[in-house]
Amino acid sequence: MIKSEEIIKNLEKRLHTFSADPKTQNVGTVETNNDGVLRVSGLSQAMMGEMVQLAGGGADGVVLNLAEDTVSVILLDPGTEIREGDGVKTTGRLLSINASDQLLGRIINPLGKPLDGKTKAKQGKDMPLERIAAGVVEREPVNTPLKTGIKAIDAMIPIGRGQRELIIGDRGLGKTAVAVDAIINQKHVQKVEKRVVCVYVAIGQKQSTVAQIIGKLEEENAMDYTIVVAANASDPASLQYLAPYAGVAIAEYFLEKGEDVLIVYDDLTKHAWAYRQLSLVLGRPAGREAYPGDIFYLHSRLLERAVKLNEKNGGGSITALPIIETQANDISAYIPTNVISITDGQIFLESDLFNAGIRPAINVGISVSRVGTAAQTGTMKSVAGKMKLELAQFRELAAFAQFGSELDPETQRQLERGRRITEIFKQPQYKPMTEPDEVIDILAVTSGFADDIPVENIQQFIAELRDHVHRKDKKFTDKLSSNEKVNDEVRREFEKIVTAFKRGFKI
């Protein structure tokens, strides 16, 4: 049995580290350690979100709750043994992550520690994880396209630089694939436009899943302009909670340099779960679906940091693509409705469409972009036009047509056109397209040039047409790259190209 004198000596030894001038620091004592959440007494000067150091400098924590007599601290190091009576001291520093250009191509955890086996990046700038979003005066309207390379999105649900566009749907429908395609496509975009730095935040994902995504990004040479922040499923809830804030803090480093950033949060459902886990251990009262009352604030203060700054403030932007996982296509659940109300639109992936072979399985009736055509080039705007409405109407008509009643010629024509539009929007995973190629596909179908091509041969038709245009009419693709409106002259020129191509086209 340990004598009381030995306990006192051991405690004095542990507190020895904190024996400096009390005027310059605040020292407290651990009362309880409950699943990585410490209740500490004596830290009367602690601030919310402040970093604290534990005995011997072996672990760090963050203050996440301020009570009358105690503060609650979440541990950032799962392997450290913390015992009752251990010393804790404040540091006077808010939690921050060191950001620099050297992070490009790296994989790190939310504390900035490398996960890719390479040495730690050289000292850059400390960026706070919690920060007040830019005000209205510092912003300007979203008016520059963020091209994803996915035809259905760029044509019907355009995303602008500085927008927050939610990607929502059940598990396994390709939500991550849409976001990764958007990252890969920036490789093509930066050849002709201002580059977009990409930050991919993996929250609560399996390590094997994250490794596959990183492998694909490396294969496509997309890691040159991408940073991966990973808090895997095996990491503590505290790191999963901090991951998206670490990602946006890094994004703000590039924003301050006047650069454009695309950040993907994959996914915020697991982020909400991690926060719920922490909150319940912290003793915060549970409300709807066991989430605490401030769950809305959790995501709103994160997504408000997406911004398009005006020229006076550097002109940079942060575009956010949060991902939310639904259960049985239920977008009326607590977390989905919360995030829908925070974002500027959503891309809804539906299981019925996915199972019918329409991939990406985007439901154009529910999906929306609140920025709309302001985030499209003149070229895309002039050819996409009313296509979203036509496709939504086609899906409605198709539902009635399956009953087998006789249809008038106009309805039959609308159905046939809708089937061909649906067909061109099928796109292989990890194959984003340049805007001129997207415009060629859309023009070919919406102008009626594919009406006499069987639906099952549409993919072959548009693929061979694209190759033909690139080989024979380089000047025409340059016109489609000019961002100018497609006028009657360009349409007539396209008609000549397609007519010549169809003479030699064989099914």
Protein backbone atom coordinates (compact mmCIF):
# COMPACT_ATOMS: atom_id res chain seq x y z
CA MET A 1 0.00 0.00 0.00
CA ILE A 2 1.38 3.44 -0.99
CA LYS A 3 1.99 5.76 1.97
CA SER A 4 0.46 9.27 1.98
CA GLU A 5 3.98 10.82 2.04
CA GLU A 6 4.80 9.10 -1.26
CA ILE A 7 1.57 10.40 -2.81
CA ILE A 8 2.45 13.97 -1.72
CA LYS A 9 6.00 13.66 -3.08
CA ASN A 10 4.73 12.29 -6.38
CA LEU A 11 2.23 15.15 -6.67
CA GLU A 12 4.93 17.75 -5.85
CA LYS A 13 7.17 16.20 -8.53
CA ARG A 14 4.39 16.41 -11.13
CA LEU A 15 3.58 20.02 -10.19
CA HIS A 16 7.26 21.06 -10.17
CA THR A 17 7.10 21.87 -13.88
CA PHE A 18 4.55 24.58 -13.10
CA SER A 19 6.37 26.34 -10.24
CA ALA A 20 7.04 29.56 -12.19
CA ASP A 21 5.79 33.03 -11.25
CA PRO A 22 2.00 32.80 -10.70
CA LYS A 23 1.57 36.25 -12.25
CA THR A 24 2.59 34.89 -15.66
CA GLN A 25 0.65 31.64 -15.65
CA ASN A 26 -2.40 29.95 -14.25
CA VAL A 27 -1.97 26.51 -12.67
CA GLY A 28 -4.71 23.98 -11.99
CA THR A 29 -5.22 20.35 -10.97
CA VAL A 30 -6.92 17.45 -12.75
CA GLU A 31 -9.97 16.28 -10.80
CA THR A 32 -11.31 13.63 -13.19
CA ASN A 33 -10.40 12.06 -16.54
CA ASN A 34 -13.49 10.75 -18.28
CA ASP A 35 -12.90 9.34 -21.81
CA GLY A 36 -10.28 11.95 -22.70
CA VAL A 37 -12.24 14.84 -21.16
CA LEU A 38 -10.61 16.34 -18.06
CA ARG A 39 -12.32 18.33 -15.34
CA VAL A 40 -9.73 20.76 -13.99
CA SER A 41 -9.98 23.05 -10.97
CA GLY A 42 -7.87 26.15 -10.35
CA LEU A 43 -7.70 27.54 -13.92
CA SER A 44 -9.52 30.76 -13.03
CA GLN A 45 -7.94 32.68 -15.94
CA ALA A 46 -8.49 30.07 -18.66
CA MET A 47 -10.12 31.15 -21.94
CA MET A 48 -12.53 29.20 -24.12
CA GLY A 49 -10.52 27.45 -26.84
CA GLU A 50 -7.19 28.03 -25.09
CA MET A 51 -4.40 25.47 -25.27
CA VAL A 52 -3.35 24.01 -21.91
CA GLN A 53 -0.30 21.91 -21.08
CA LEU A 54 -0.33 18.91 -18.80
CA ALA A 55 2.28 17.62 -16.37
CA GLY A 56 5.73 17.14 -17.82
CA GLY A 57 4.73 18.62 -21.19
CA GLY A 58 3.64 15.17 -22.29
CA ALA A 59 0.23 16.16 -23.64
CA ASP A 60 -1.82 19.13 -24.74
CA GLY A 61 -5.48 19.87 -24.36
CA VAL A 62 -8.04 22.50 -25.29
CA VAL A 63 -10.50 24.23 -22.96
CA LEU A 64 -14.01 23.45 -24.22
CA ASN A 65 -16.22 24.23 -21.21
CA LEU A 66 -16.12 26.95 -18.54
CA ALA A 67 -18.03 26.22 -15.32
CA GLU A 68 -18.15 28.23 -12.09
CA ASP A 69 -15.40 26.30 -10.28
CA THR A 70 -13.89 24.08 -12.98
CA VAL A 71 -13.03 23.99 -16.65
CA SER A 72 -13.37 21.02 -18.99
CA VAL A 73 -10.42 20.17 -21.22
CA ILE A 74 -10.43 17.79 -24.18
CA LEU A 75 -7.18 15.86 -24.67
CA LEU A 76 -5.43 15.94 -28.04
CA ASP A 77 -3.13 12.99 -27.32
CA PRO A 78 -4.95 9.69 -26.81
CA GLY A 79 -1.88 7.77 -25.65
CA THR A 80 -1.04 9.91 -22.63
CA GLU A 81 -1.92 8.64 -19.17
CA ILE A 82 -3.41 11.45 -17.12
CA ARG A 83 -4.14 10.82 -13.45
CA GLU A 84 -6.11 12.64 -10.79
CA GLY A 85 -3.97 15.32 -9.17
CA ASP A 86 -1.80 16.01 -12.24
CA GLY A 87 -0.87 19.62 -12.86
CA VAL A 88 -2.27 21.69 -15.71
CA LYS A 89 -1.18 25.15 -16.82
CA THR A 90 -2.58 27.65 -19.27
CA THR A 91 -0.44 28.74 -22.21
CA GLY A 92 -2.17 31.96 -23.24
CA ARG A 93 -2.39 30.63 -26.83
CA LEU A 94 -5.55 29.79 -28.70
CA LEU A 95 -5.45 26.51 -30.59
CA SER A 96 -3.80 27.09 -33.98
CA ILE A 97 -2.16 25.18 -36.83
CA ASN A 98 1.05 26.09 -38.61
CA ALA A 99 0.33 26.74 -42.29
CA SER A 100 2.73 27.33 -45.19
CA ASP A 101 3.09 26.63 -48.92
CA GLN A 102 5.15 23.58 -47.97
CA LEU A 103 1.95 21.82 -46.87
CA LEU A 104 0.96 21.38 -50.54
CA GLY A 105 1.13 17.69 -51.38
CA ARG A 106 1.22 16.69 -47.71
CA ILE A 107 -1.04 14.57 -45.48
CA ILE A 108 -1.35 15.89 -41.91
CA ASN A 109 -3.54 15.47 -38.85
CA PRO A 110 -5.61 18.35 -37.38
CA LEU A 111 -2.66 19.40 -35.19
CA GLY A 112 -0.34 19.74 -38.19
CA LYS A 113 1.64 16.55 -37.52
CA PRO A 114 2.68 14.70 -40.71
CA LEU A 115 0.96 11.39 -41.51
CA ASP A 116 2.87 10.73 -44.74
CA GLY A 117 6.17 9.68 -43.16
CA LYS A 118 7.96 12.84 -44.29
CA THR A 119 9.61 15.41 -42.05
CA LYS A 120 7.51 18.19 -40.59
CA ALA A 121 7.13 21.25 -42.83
CA LYS A 122 9.23 24.29 -41.94
CA GLN A 123 7.78 26.96 -39.71
CA GLY A 124 5.11 29.02 -41.44
CA LYS A 125 2.29 31.14 -40.03
CA ASP A 126 0.16 30.10 -37.06
CA MET A 127 -3.50 30.18 -38.14
CA PRO A 128 -6.17 29.98 -35.38
CA LEU A 129 -8.63 27.11 -35.73
CA GLU A 130 -11.50 29.28 -34.47
CA ARG A 131 -11.88 32.61 -36.22
CA ILE A 132 -14.70 35.08 -36.90
CA ALA A 133 -15.75 34.94 -40.55
CA ALA A 134 -15.20 37.92 -42.86
CA GLY A 135 -17.93 40.57 -42.67
CA VAL A 136 -20.28 41.69 -45.43
CA VAL A 137 -18.18 44.79 -46.20
CA GLU A 138 -15.12 42.63 -46.97
CA ARG A 139 -17.04 40.35 -49.35
CA GLU A 140 -18.28 40.63 -52.91
CA PRO A 141 -20.92 38.65 -54.83
CA VAL A 142 -19.97 35.19 -56.09
CA ASN A 143 -19.53 35.56 -59.85
CA THR A 144 -16.55 33.40 -60.90
CA PRO A 145 -17.18 29.74 -61.84
CA LEU A 146 -15.53 26.91 -59.95
CA LYS A 147 -15.50 24.33 -62.72
CA THR A 148 -15.99 20.78 -61.43
CA GLY A 149 -15.59 19.01 -64.79
CA ILE A 150 -18.91 17.22 -64.15
CA LYS A 151 -21.34 18.11 -66.95
CA ALA A 152 -24.53 17.83 -64.87
CA ILE A 153 -23.16 20.20 -62.20
CA ASP A 154 -21.45 22.78 -64.44
CA ALA A 155 -24.53 23.00 -66.69
CA MET A 156 -27.43 22.82 -64.22
CA ILE A 157 -26.17 23.35 -60.66
CA PRO A 158 -23.16 25.69 -61.15
CA ILE A 159 -20.78 26.34 -58.27
CA GLY A 160 -19.02 29.70 -57.89
CA ARG A 161 -15.75 30.52 -56.15
CA GLY A 162 -16.73 31.51 -52.61
CA GLN A 163 -19.93 29.42 -52.54
CA ARG A 164 -20.97 26.72 -50.05
CA GLU A 165 -22.56 23.84 -51.97
CA LEU A 166 -23.72 20.79 -50.00
CA ILE A 167 -23.29 17.29 -51.44
CA ILE A 168 -25.93 15.08 -49.83
CA GLY A 169 -27.16 11.51 -50.25
CA ASP A 170 -27.07 7.98 -48.88
CA ARG A 171 -23.89 5.98 -48.38
CA GLY A 172 -22.16 4.64 -51.48
CA LEU A 173 -23.79 6.90 -54.09
CA GLY A 174 -20.62 8.76 -55.11
CA LYS A 175 -20.64 11.89 -52.90
CA THR A 176 -16.88 11.70 -52.34
CA ALA A 177 -16.35 10.90 -56.05
CA VAL A 178 -18.05 14.20 -57.02
CA ALA A 179 -15.79 16.16 -54.65
CA VAL A 180 -12.62 14.33 -55.75
CA ASP A 181 -13.53 14.91 -59.42
CA ALA A 182 -13.79 18.63 -58.66
CA ILE A 183 -10.29 18.53 -57.12
CA ILE A 184 -8.82 16.61 -60.08
CA ASN A 185 -10.43 19.04 -62.55
CA GLN A 186 -8.49 21.99 -61.09
CA LYS A 187 -5.44 20.52 -62.86
CA HIS A 188 -7.08 21.45 -66.20
CA VAL A 189 -8.45 24.76 -64.91
CA GLN A 190 -5.12 26.16 -63.72
CA LYS A 191 -3.67 25.86 -67.24
CA VAL A 192 -5.94 28.70 -68.41
CA GLU A 193 -7.16 30.38 -65.20
CA LYS A 194 -6.03 31.38 -61.72
CA ARG A 195 -5.12 28.25 -59.77
CA VAL A 196 -7.27 26.77 -57.04
CA VAL A 197 -5.56 25.30 -53.97
CA CYS A 198 -7.52 22.26 -52.68
CA VAL A 199 -7.91 21.06 -49.09
CA TYR A 200 -9.51 17.65 -48.52
CA VAL A 201 -10.62 17.06 -44.90
CA ALA A 202 -11.33 13.41 -44.04
CA ILE A 203 -13.42 13.10 -40.87
CA GLY A 204 -14.02 9.69 -39.32
CA GLN A 205 -13.17 7.77 -42.53
CA LYS A 206 -11.43 4.40 -42.61
CA GLN A 207 -7.69 4.69 -43.22
CA SER A 208 -7.98 2.42 -46.26
CA THR A 209 -10.63 4.73 -47.80
CA VAL A 210 -8.49 7.82 -47.27
CA ALA A 211 -5.45 5.97 -48.69
CA GLN A 212 -7.44 5.11 -51.86
CA ILE A 213 -8.44 8.75 -52.36
CA ILE A 214 -4.86 9.96 -51.84
CA GLY A 215 -3.64 7.27 -54.25
CA LYS A 216 -6.08 8.52 -56.91
CA LEU A 217 -5.06 12.15 -56.38
CA GLU A 218 -1.38 11.18 -56.72
CA GLU A 219 -2.13 9.16 -59.86
CA GLU A 220 -3.81 12.21 -61.43
CA ASN A 221 -0.98 14.56 -60.28
CA ALA A 222 -3.54 16.46 -58.20
CA MET A 223 -1.55 16.30 -54.94
CA ASP A 224 0.72 19.08 -56.28
CA TYR A 225 -1.94 21.63 -55.29
CA THR A 226 -3.81 19.61 -52.60
CA ILE A 227 -3.47 19.28 -48.82
CA VAL A 228 -5.11 16.36 -47.00
CA VAL A 229 -6.16 16.82 -43.35
CA ALA A 230 -7.13 13.44 -41.90
CA ALA A 231 -8.76 12.50 -38.60
CA ASN A 232 -9.51 8.83 -39.17
CA ALA A 233 -12.17 6.65 -37.53
CA SER A 234 -9.53 5.26 -35.14
CA ASP A 235 -8.54 8.76 -33.93
CA PRO A 236 -10.13 10.25 -30.78
CA ALA A 237 -13.35 12.24 -31.09
CA SER A 238 -11.44 15.42 -30.17
CA LEU A 239 -9.34 15.22 -33.37
CA GLN A 240 -12.39 14.42 -35.51
CA TYR A 241 -14.09 17.48 -34.00
CA LEU A 242 -11.10 19.74 -34.76
CA ALA A 243 -10.37 18.44 -38.29
CA PRO A 244 -12.66 20.75 -40.36
CA TYR A 245 -11.54 23.81 -38.39
CA ALA A 246 -7.90 22.89 -39.03
CA GLY A 247 -8.71 22.51 -42.75
CA VAL A 248 -10.38 25.93 -43.04
CA ALA A 249 -7.56 27.55 -41.01
CA ILE A 250 -5.08 26.30 -43.64
CA ALA A 251 -7.44 27.53 -46.39
CA GLU A 252 -7.43 30.98 -44.78
CA TYR A 253 -3.64 31.10 -44.99
CA PHE A 254 -3.90 30.90 -48.81
CA LEU A 255 -6.94 33.23 -48.78
CA GLU A 256 -4.82 35.92 -47.11
CA LYS A 257 -2.39 35.62 -50.03
CA GLY A 258 -5.23 36.40 -52.45
CA GLU A 259 -5.55 32.79 -53.69
CA ASP A 260 -8.66 30.75 -54.44
CA VAL A 261 -9.21 27.64 -52.31
CA LEU A 262 -11.57 24.66 -52.61
CA ILE A 263 -12.19 22.81 -49.33
CA VAL A 264 -14.05 19.49 -49.03
CA TYR A 265 -15.43 18.35 -45.65
CA ASP A 266 -15.91 14.58 -45.90
CA ASP A 267 -18.15 14.33 -44.02
CA LEU A 268 -19.96 16.61 -41.55
CA THR A 269 -22.31 13.84 -40.38
CA LYS A 270 -19.37 12.12 -38.68
CA HIS A 271 -18.20 15.52 -37.43
CA ALA A 272 -21.58 16.02 -35.74
CA TRP A 273 -21.30 12.54 -34.21
CA ALA A 274 -17.86 13.35 -32.78
CA TYR A 275 -19.13 16.62 -31.32
CA ARG A 276 -22.17 14.89 -29.84
CA GLN A 277 -19.86 12.34 -28.20
CA LEU A 278 -17.69 15.09 -26.69
CA SER A 279 -20.70 17.16 -25.60
CA LEU A 280 -22.39 14.31 -23.77
CA VAL A 281 -19.17 13.55 -21.88
CA LEU A 282 -18.84 17.27 -21.10
CA GLY A 283 -22.29 17.09 -19.52
CA ARG A 284 -24.06 19.39 -21.95
CA PRO A 285 -27.81 18.68 -22.08
CA ALA A 286 -28.93 16.57 -25.01
CA GLY A 287 -31.80 17.70 -27.22
CA ARG A 288 -33.18 16.41 -30.51
CA GLU A 289 -31.59 13.09 -31.60
CA ALA A 290 -29.27 13.43 -28.55
CA TYR A 291 -27.42 16.38 -30.13
CA PRO A 292 -26.69 19.40 -27.90
CA GLY A 293 -28.48 22.68 -28.55
CA ASP A 294 -25.47 24.36 -30.21
CA ILE A 295 -25.09 21.77 -33.00
CA PHE A 296 -26.29 24.33 -35.58
CA TYR A 297 -23.59 26.79 -34.42
CA LEU A 298 -21.01 24.01 -34.83
CA HIS A 299 -21.45 23.95 -38.63
CA SER A 300 -22.62 27.53 -39.24
CA ARG A 301 -19.46 29.08 -37.80
CA LEU A 302 -17.42 26.67 -39.93
CA LEU A 303 -19.23 27.21 -43.24
CA GLU A 304 -19.54 31.00 -42.78
CA ARG A 305 -15.77 31.11 -43.30
CA ALA A 306 -16.32 30.27 -46.97
CA VAL A 307 -15.99 33.65 -48.68
CA LYS A 308 -15.35 35.64 -51.86
CA LEU A 309 -13.30 38.67 -50.77
CA ASN A 310 -13.36 41.93 -52.71
CA GLU A 311 -10.26 43.33 -54.43
CA LYS A 312 -9.56 45.70 -51.53
CA ASN A 313 -9.12 42.67 -49.25
CA GLY A 314 -7.04 40.58 -51.65
CA GLY A 315 -9.72 39.11 -53.91
CA GLY A 316 -9.20 35.52 -52.73
CA SER A 317 -11.94 32.98 -52.07
CA ILE A 318 -12.75 29.82 -50.14
CA THR A 319 -15.32 27.49 -51.75
CA ALA A 320 -16.74 24.85 -49.39
CA LEU A 321 -18.13 21.47 -50.45
CA PRO A 322 -19.51 19.92 -47.24
CA ILE A 323 -20.73 16.32 -47.51
CA ILE A 324 -23.67 14.95 -45.50
CA GLU A 325 -24.74 11.30 -45.38
CA THR A 326 -28.48 10.61 -45.22
CA GLN A 327 -30.43 7.50 -44.21
CA ALA A 328 -32.89 6.19 -46.85
CA ASN A 329 -32.84 9.51 -48.78
CA ASP A 330 -34.25 11.34 -45.74
CA ILE A 331 -33.10 14.95 -46.13
CA SER A 332 -35.56 16.10 -43.44
CA ALA A 333 -33.46 14.70 -40.56
CA TYR A 334 -31.85 17.06 -38.03
CA ILE A 335 -28.29 17.42 -39.36
CA PRO A 336 -29.23 17.47 -43.11
CA THR A 337 -31.83 20.24 -42.59
CA ASN A 338 -29.35 22.20 -40.46
CA VAL A 339 -26.64 22.14 -43.11
CA ILE A 340 -29.09 22.74 -46.00
CA SER A 341 -30.17 25.95 -44.24
CA ILE A 342 -26.54 27.10 -43.88
CA THR A 343 -25.36 26.39 -47.43
CA ASP A 344 -26.05 28.12 -50.79
CA GLY A 345 -27.60 25.05 -52.41
CA GLN A 346 -27.27 21.28 -52.50
CA ILE A 347 -26.42 18.49 -54.91
CA PHE A 348 -28.72 15.60 -53.98
CA LEU A 349 -27.63 12.12 -55.03
CA GLU A 350 -30.49 9.62 -55.15
CA SER A 351 -30.25 5.84 -54.77
CA ASP A 352 -33.02 5.09 -57.35
CA LEU A 353 -31.11 6.98 -60.06
CA PHE A 354 -27.84 5.32 -59.03
CA ASN A 355 -29.41 1.86 -59.25
CA ALA A 356 -30.87 2.76 -62.67
CA GLY A 357 -27.32 3.34 -63.95
CA ILE A 358 -27.48 7.16 -64.00
CA ARG A 359 -24.13 8.21 -62.52
CA PRO A 360 -23.50 10.71 -61.07
CA ALA A 361 -26.98 10.08 -59.65
CA ILE A 362 -27.99 13.74 -59.34
CA ASN A 363 -31.68 14.47 -58.74
CA VAL A 364 -32.10 17.74 -60.66
CA GLY A 365 -35.51 18.40 -59.12
CA ILE A 366 -34.21 18.69 -55.54
CA SER A 367 -30.67 19.88 -56.34
CA VAL A 368 -30.22 23.64 -56.55
CA SER A 369 -27.56 26.34 -56.67
CA ARG A 370 -28.61 29.63 -55.13
CA VAL A 371 -25.87 31.43 -57.07
CA GLY A 372 -27.16 30.06 -60.38
CA THR A 373 -26.04 31.42 -63.74
CA ALA A 374 -23.92 34.10 -62.05
CA ALA A 375 -21.40 31.27 -61.56
CA GLN A 376 -21.32 30.27 -65.24
CA THR A 377 -19.30 31.51 -68.20
CA GLY A 378 -21.15 33.13 -71.08
CA THR A 379 -20.49 30.01 -73.17
CA MET A 380 -22.07 27.56 -70.70
CA LYS A 381 -24.92 29.92 -69.85
CA SER A 382 -25.94 30.23 -73.52
CA VAL A 383 -26.05 26.46 -74.17
CA ALA A 384 -27.33 25.13 -70.81
CA GLY A 385 -30.31 27.50 -70.71
CA LYS A 386 -33.53 25.75 -69.71
CA MET A 387 -31.99 22.29 -69.66
CA LYS A 388 -32.50 21.74 -65.92
CA LEU A 389 -36.21 22.49 -66.27
CA GLU A 390 -36.47 20.21 -69.34
CA LEU A 391 -34.78 17.34 -67.50
CA ALA A 392 -36.97 17.74 -64.41
CA GLN A 393 -40.08 17.77 -66.66
CA PHE A 394 -38.81 14.67 -68.49
CA ARG A 395 -38.50 12.74 -65.21
CA GLU A 396 -42.10 13.68 -64.36
CA LEU A 397 -43.35 12.71 -67.85
CA ALA A 398 -41.43 9.43 -67.77
CA ALA A 399 -43.23 8.51 -64.54
CA PHE A 400 -46.62 8.94 -66.30
CA ALA A 401 -45.51 7.35 -69.58
CA GLN A 402 -44.73 4.03 -67.90
CA PHE A 403 -48.49 3.46 -67.44
CA GLY A 404 -48.65 2.79 -71.21
CA SER A 405 -51.25 5.36 -72.25
CA GLU A 406 -51.03 6.81 -75.75
CA LEU A 407 -48.90 9.94 -75.97
CA ASP A 408 -49.20 12.86 -78.37
CA PRO A 409 -46.24 13.55 -80.72
CA GLU A 410 -45.00 16.59 -78.71
CA THR A 411 -44.85 14.56 -75.49
CA GLN A 412 -43.06 11.70 -77.29
CA ARG A 413 -40.53 14.19 -78.71
CA GLN A 414 -39.98 15.62 -75.19
CA LEU A 415 -39.45 12.12 -73.77
CA GLU A 416 -36.97 11.18 -76.51
CA ARG A 417 -35.02 14.42 -76.01
CA GLY A 418 -35.03 13.88 -72.22
CA ARG A 419 -33.61 10.35 -72.61
CA ARG A 420 -30.73 11.72 -74.69
CA ILE A 421 -30.02 14.55 -72.24
CA THR A 422 -29.99 11.99 -69.40
CA GLU A 423 -27.55 9.88 -71.41
CA ILE A 424 -25.02 12.67 -71.99
CA PHE A 425 -24.96 13.45 -68.28
CA LYS A 426 -23.69 9.95 -67.48
CA GLN A 427 -20.00 10.36 -66.76
CA PRO A 428 -17.32 7.92 -65.55
CA GLN A 429 -15.82 8.45 -62.12
CA TYR A 430 -12.51 10.40 -61.97
CA LYS A 431 -12.94 11.63 -65.59
CA PRO A 432 -13.70 15.36 -65.27
CA MET A 433 -14.08 17.23 -68.56
CA THR A 434 -12.94 20.61 -69.86
CA GLU A 435 -15.65 23.19 -70.51
CA PRO A 436 -15.32 23.08 -74.37
CA ASP A 437 -15.91 19.30 -74.28
CA GLU A 438 -18.95 19.77 -72.00
CA VAL A 439 -20.35 22.41 -74.37
CA ILE A 440 -19.89 20.15 -77.44
CA ASP A 441 -21.85 17.35 -75.73
CA ILE A 442 -24.67 19.67 -74.63
CA LEU A 443 -24.91 21.46 -77.99
CA ALA A 444 -25.05 18.15 -79.88
CA VAL A 445 -28.12 16.99 -77.94
CA THR A 446 -30.01 20.23 -77.22
CA SER A 447 -29.73 21.38 -80.86
CA GLY A 448 -31.39 18.16 -82.06
CA PHE A 449 -28.35 16.66 -83.83
CA ALA A 450 -28.64 13.46 -81.79
CA ASP A 451 -32.42 12.99 -82.18
CA ASP A 452 -31.92 10.35 -84.89
CA ILE A 453 -29.22 8.48 -82.92
CA PRO A 454 -30.49 5.52 -80.84
CA VAL A 455 -30.29 6.23 -77.09
CA GLU A 456 -27.93 3.26 -76.51
CA ASN A 457 -25.44 4.78 -78.99
CA ILE A 458 -25.44 8.36 -77.65
CA GLN A 459 -22.29 7.85 -75.53
CA GLN A 460 -20.40 6.51 -78.57
CA PHE A 461 -21.74 9.35 -80.73
CA ILE A 462 -20.68 12.22 -78.46
CA ALA A 463 -17.26 10.63 -77.66
CA GLU A 464 -16.42 10.28 -81.36
CA LEU A 465 -17.82 13.76 -82.11
CA ARG A 466 -15.51 15.30 -79.46
CA ASP A 467 -12.49 13.53 -80.98
CA HIS A 468 -13.53 14.70 -84.45
CA VAL A 469 -13.81 18.35 -83.33
CA HIS A 470 -10.40 18.24 -81.61
CA ARG A 471 -8.70 16.70 -84.66
CA LYS A 472 -10.35 18.73 -87.41
CA ASP A 473 -11.49 22.03 -85.90
CA LYS A 474 -9.03 23.33 -83.30
CA LYS A 475 -10.21 26.91 -83.96
CA PHE A 476 -13.76 25.93 -83.04
CA THR A 477 -12.68 24.59 -79.60
CA ASP A 478 -10.75 27.84 -79.06
CA LYS A 479 -14.03 29.73 -79.63
CA LEU A 480 -15.72 27.56 -76.99
CA SER A 481 -12.84 28.36 -74.58
CA SER A 482 -13.30 32.12 -74.95
CA ASN A 483 -16.11 32.33 -72.32
CA GLU A 484 -18.13 34.28 -74.91
CA LYS A 485 -21.79 33.58 -75.60
CA VAL A 486 -22.48 30.94 -78.29
CA ASN A 487 -24.12 33.02 -81.02
CA ASP A 488 -25.92 32.01 -84.23
CA GLU A 489 -22.69 32.06 -86.23
CA VAL A 490 -21.04 29.55 -83.86
CA ARG A 491 -24.16 27.37 -83.94
CA ARG A 492 -24.14 27.34 -87.78
CA GLU A 493 -20.46 26.41 -87.75
CA PHE A 494 -21.20 23.61 -85.29
CA GLU A 495 -24.03 22.37 -87.52
CA LYS A 496 -21.60 22.06 -90.45
CA ILE A 497 -19.09 20.16 -88.27
CA VAL A 498 -21.74 17.71 -86.98
CA THR A 499 -23.28 17.19 -90.44
CA ALA A 500 -19.85 16.32 -91.88
CA PHE A 501 -19.12 14.02 -88.90
CA LYS A 502 -22.46 12.16 -89.15
CA ARG A 503 -21.73 11.20 -92.76
CA GLY A 504 -18.89 9.00 -91.59
CA PHE A 505 -20.36 7.95 -88.21
CA LYS A 506 -21.08 4.24 -87.92
CA ILE A 507 -23.04 2.59 -85.13
